[in-house]
Amino acid sequence: MCLQRLGRVLSVTPSQNVVVKVGKPPKMGAAVIDENLKVIGRVFDIIGPVSSPYAVIRPSVKNAEKLANRQLYVSPSKKERS
């Protein structure tokens, strides 16, 4: 499995969404994976300026606060790997 680095978690919002500073914006709905290869959620939104985007992740795990300051990854779709 080839992973692409998404970025480091900056914060968790009061609604439990996870905000990540990204270099290259991922596809909407892309699965987000932690360093243990566990799917922790999906890309819900891309916000901020084009030159400095942020990804908003809707977590599928409980206690999203535990993700603070952790590195997250995305798995490229089959189309992107070809």
N, C-alpha and C. Protein backbone atom coordinates (compact mmCIF):
# COMPACT_ATOMS: atom_id res chain seq x y z
N MET A 1 0.85 -1.18 0.00
CA MET A 1 0.00 0.00 0.00
C MET A 1 0.89 1.24 0.00
N CYS A 2 0.65 2.13 -0.91
CA CYS A 2 1.42 3.37 -1.03
C CYS A 2 0.62 4.50 -0.39
N LEU A 3 1.20 5.16 0.60
CA LEU A 3 0.51 6.25 1.28
C LEU A 3 1.13 7.58 0.91
N GLN A 4 0.30 8.61 0.91
CA GLN A 4 0.78 9.97 0.71
C GLN A 4 0.58 10.71 2.02
N ARG A 5 1.59 11.47 2.42
CA ARG A 5 1.46 12.24 3.65
C ARG A 5 0.43 13.33 3.45
N LEU A 6 -0.53 13.42 4.36
CA LEU A 6 -1.54 14.47 4.30
C LEU A 6 -1.05 15.69 5.05
N GLY A 7 -0.66 15.50 6.30
CA GLY A 7 -0.17 16.61 7.12
C GLY A 7 -0.38 16.33 8.59
N ARG A 8 0.00 17.30 9.41
CA ARG A 8 -0.11 17.16 10.86
C ARG A 8 -1.40 17.82 11.34
N VAL A 9 -2.05 17.16 12.29
CA VAL A 9 -3.30 17.69 12.85
C VAL A 9 -3.00 18.97 13.61
N LEU A 10 -3.72 20.04 13.24
CA LEU A 10 -3.55 21.33 13.93
C LEU A 10 -4.51 21.47 15.09
N SER A 11 -5.76 21.06 14.86
CA SER A 11 -6.76 21.21 15.92
C SER A 11 -7.95 20.30 15.68
N VAL A 12 -8.75 20.18 16.72
CA VAL A 12 -10.02 19.47 16.66
C VAL A 12 -11.09 20.49 17.03
N THR A 13 -12.07 20.65 16.15
CA THR A 13 -13.11 21.66 16.36
C THR A 13 -14.10 21.20 17.44
N PRO A 14 -14.91 22.11 17.97
CA PRO A 14 -15.92 21.72 18.95
C PRO A 14 -16.90 20.66 18.41
N SER A 15 -17.08 20.63 17.09
CA SER A 15 -17.98 19.62 16.49
C SER A 15 -17.23 18.33 16.18
N GLN A 16 -15.99 18.20 16.71
CA GLN A 16 -15.15 17.01 16.60
C GLN A 16 -14.56 16.78 15.21
N ASN A 17 -14.60 17.78 14.32
CA ASN A 17 -13.90 17.66 13.04
C ASN A 17 -12.42 17.95 13.26
N VAL A 18 -11.57 17.33 12.45
CA VAL A 18 -10.13 17.45 12.59
C VAL A 18 -9.61 18.35 11.47
N VAL A 19 -8.79 19.35 11.81
CA VAL A 19 -8.23 20.29 10.83
C VAL A 19 -6.75 19.97 10.64
N VAL A 20 -6.37 19.79 9.35
CA VAL A 20 -5.00 19.41 9.01
C VAL A 20 -4.46 20.40 7.98
N LYS A 21 -3.26 20.94 8.22
CA LYS A 21 -2.58 21.79 7.24
C LYS A 21 -1.99 20.87 6.19
N VAL A 22 -2.35 21.09 4.92
CA VAL A 22 -1.89 20.20 3.85
C VAL A 22 -1.05 20.97 2.83
N GLY A 23 -0.17 20.24 2.15
CA GLY A 23 0.60 20.83 1.06
C GLY A 23 -0.18 20.74 -0.23
N LYS A 24 -0.59 19.53 -0.58
CA LYS A 24 -1.38 19.27 -1.78
C LYS A 24 -2.75 18.78 -1.33
N PRO A 25 -3.82 19.49 -1.69
CA PRO A 25 -5.15 19.08 -1.24
C PRO A 25 -5.52 17.68 -1.73
N PRO A 26 -6.05 16.84 -0.85
CA PRO A 26 -6.49 15.51 -1.25
C PRO A 26 -7.86 15.56 -1.92
N LYS A 27 -8.29 14.46 -2.47
CA LYS A 27 -9.63 14.36 -3.07
C LYS A 27 -10.67 14.36 -1.95
N MET A 28 -11.81 14.95 -2.23
CA MET A 28 -12.92 14.93 -1.28
C MET A 28 -13.35 13.48 -1.09
N GLY A 29 -13.59 13.10 0.16
CA GLY A 29 -14.02 11.74 0.47
C GLY A 29 -12.88 10.75 0.60
N ALA A 30 -11.64 11.19 0.42
CA ALA A 30 -10.49 10.28 0.53
C ALA A 30 -10.38 9.76 1.96
N ALA A 31 -10.01 8.48 2.09
CA ALA A 31 -9.82 7.88 3.40
C ALA A 31 -8.55 8.44 4.03
N VAL A 32 -8.64 8.79 5.31
CA VAL A 32 -7.51 9.33 6.05
C VAL A 32 -7.04 8.26 7.04
N ILE A 33 -5.72 8.04 7.06
CA ILE A 33 -5.13 6.93 7.80
C ILE A 33 -4.08 7.48 8.77
N ASP A 34 -3.96 6.85 9.94
CA ASP A 34 -2.92 7.25 10.88
C ASP A 34 -1.66 6.42 10.67
N GLU A 35 -0.65 6.63 11.52
CA GLU A 35 0.63 5.92 11.34
C GLU A 35 0.52 4.42 11.57
N ASN A 36 -0.56 3.96 12.19
CA ASN A 36 -0.78 2.53 12.42
C ASN A 36 -1.63 1.89 11.32
N LEU A 37 -1.85 2.62 10.22
CA LEU A 37 -2.66 2.19 9.07
C LEU A 37 -4.12 1.96 9.42
N LYS A 38 -4.59 2.66 10.44
CA LYS A 38 -5.99 2.60 10.84
C LYS A 38 -6.73 3.77 10.20
N VAL A 39 -7.85 3.48 9.52
CA VAL A 39 -8.65 4.55 8.93
C VAL A 39 -9.31 5.31 10.05
N ILE A 40 -9.05 6.61 10.10
CA ILE A 40 -9.60 7.42 11.19
C ILE A 40 -10.72 8.35 10.72
N GLY A 41 -10.94 8.44 9.40
CA GLY A 41 -12.02 9.28 8.90
C GLY A 41 -11.87 9.53 7.41
N ARG A 42 -12.63 10.52 6.93
CA ARG A 42 -12.62 10.88 5.51
C ARG A 42 -12.52 12.39 5.35
N VAL A 43 -11.94 12.82 4.23
CA VAL A 43 -11.83 14.24 3.93
C VAL A 43 -13.24 14.77 3.69
N PHE A 44 -13.62 15.77 4.48
CA PHE A 44 -14.96 16.33 4.44
C PHE A 44 -14.99 17.65 3.67
N ASP A 45 -13.90 18.45 3.78
CA ASP A 45 -13.88 19.77 3.16
C ASP A 45 -12.44 20.24 3.02
N ILE A 46 -12.22 21.13 2.08
CA ILE A 46 -10.94 21.81 1.92
C ILE A 46 -11.23 23.30 2.12
N ILE A 47 -10.49 23.93 3.03
CA ILE A 47 -10.74 25.34 3.35
C ILE A 47 -9.45 26.13 3.26
N GLY A 48 -9.55 27.44 3.29
CA GLY A 48 -8.41 28.32 3.28
C GLY A 48 -8.01 28.74 1.89
N PRO A 49 -6.94 29.53 1.79
CA PRO A 49 -6.49 30.00 0.49
C PRO A 49 -5.86 28.87 -0.32
N VAL A 50 -5.86 29.01 -1.64
CA VAL A 50 -5.30 28.00 -2.52
C VAL A 50 -3.82 27.78 -2.22
N SER A 51 -3.12 28.84 -1.88
CA SER A 51 -1.69 28.73 -1.61
C SER A 51 -1.36 28.07 -0.28
N SER A 52 -2.33 27.96 0.62
CA SER A 52 -2.09 27.40 1.94
C SER A 52 -3.37 26.70 2.45
N PRO A 53 -3.74 25.56 1.84
CA PRO A 53 -5.02 24.92 2.17
C PRO A 53 -4.99 24.10 3.45
N TYR A 54 -6.17 23.87 3.97
CA TYR A 54 -6.39 23.01 5.13
C TYR A 54 -7.45 21.98 4.75
N ALA A 55 -7.29 20.77 5.24
CA ALA A 55 -8.29 19.73 5.03
C ALA A 55 -9.08 19.57 6.32
N VAL A 56 -10.39 19.42 6.19
CA VAL A 56 -11.25 19.14 7.33
C VAL A 56 -11.63 17.67 7.24
N ILE A 57 -11.33 16.93 8.28
CA ILE A 57 -11.58 15.49 8.32
C ILE A 57 -12.75 15.23 9.24
N ARG A 58 -13.70 14.44 8.76
CA ARG A 58 -14.79 13.99 9.63
C ARG A 58 -14.37 12.63 10.18
N PRO A 59 -13.99 12.58 11.47
CA PRO A 59 -13.46 11.34 12.02
C PRO A 59 -14.51 10.25 12.20
N SER A 60 -14.06 9.01 12.06
CA SER A 60 -14.92 7.85 12.30
C SER A 60 -14.52 7.17 13.60
N VAL A 61 -13.63 7.81 14.36
CA VAL A 61 -13.17 7.27 15.63
C VAL A 61 -13.70 8.13 16.76
N LYS A 62 -13.80 7.54 17.94
CA LYS A 62 -14.21 8.30 19.12
C LYS A 62 -12.98 9.01 19.67
N ASN A 63 -13.19 10.04 20.45
CA ASN A 63 -12.10 10.80 21.07
C ASN A 63 -11.14 11.37 20.04
N ALA A 64 -11.68 12.16 19.12
CA ALA A 64 -10.85 12.77 18.08
C ALA A 64 -9.77 13.67 18.67
N GLU A 65 -9.93 14.12 19.91
CA GLU A 65 -8.93 14.97 20.55
C GLU A 65 -7.57 14.27 20.64
N LYS A 66 -7.58 12.95 20.68
CA LYS A 66 -6.34 12.18 20.78
C LYS A 66 -5.51 12.26 19.50
N LEU A 67 -6.10 12.77 18.42
CA LEU A 67 -5.38 12.89 17.15
C LEU A 67 -4.53 14.16 17.09
N ALA A 68 -4.66 15.03 18.06
CA ALA A 68 -3.94 16.31 18.05
C ALA A 68 -2.44 16.12 17.85
N ASN A 69 -1.89 16.88 16.92
CA ASN A 69 -0.46 16.91 16.61
C ASN A 69 0.08 15.61 16.00
N ARG A 70 -0.79 14.71 15.53
CA ARG A 70 -0.34 13.47 14.90
C ARG A 70 -0.26 13.63 13.39
N GLN A 71 0.62 12.88 12.78
CA GLN A 71 0.78 12.89 11.32
C GLN A 71 -0.29 11.97 10.72
N LEU A 72 -0.97 12.45 9.68
CA LEU A 72 -1.99 11.66 9.00
C LEU A 72 -1.62 11.46 7.54
N TYR A 73 -2.20 10.44 6.93
CA TYR A 73 -1.89 10.06 5.55
C TYR A 73 -3.17 9.79 4.80
N VAL A 74 -3.09 9.82 3.47
CA VAL A 74 -4.21 9.39 2.61
C VAL A 74 -3.70 8.30 1.69
N SER A 75 -4.60 7.42 1.33
CA SER A 75 -4.26 6.38 0.38
C SER A 75 -4.77 6.82 -0.98
N PRO A 76 -3.88 6.95 -1.97
CA PRO A 76 -4.33 7.40 -3.29
C PRO A 76 -5.30 6.40 -3.90
N SER A 77 -6.23 6.93 -4.68
CA SER A 77 -7.21 6.06 -5.33
C SER A 77 -6.51 5.20 -6.37
N LYS A 78 -7.17 4.14 -6.82
CA LYS A 78 -6.61 3.25 -7.84
C LYS A 78 -6.32 4.00 -9.12
N LYS A 79 -7.15 4.97 -9.47
CA LYS A 79 -6.95 5.74 -10.68
C LYS A 79 -5.65 6.54 -10.61
N GLU A 80 -5.32 7.09 -9.43
CA GLU A 80 -4.12 7.90 -9.28
C GLU A 80 -2.86 7.06 -9.33
N ARG A 81 -2.94 5.77 -8.92
CA ARG A 81 -1.77 4.91 -8.91
C ARG A 81 -1.42 4.39 -10.30
N SER A 82 -2.36 4.36 -11.21
CA SER A 82 -2.11 3.80 -12.55
C SER A 82 -1.27 4.73 -13.39
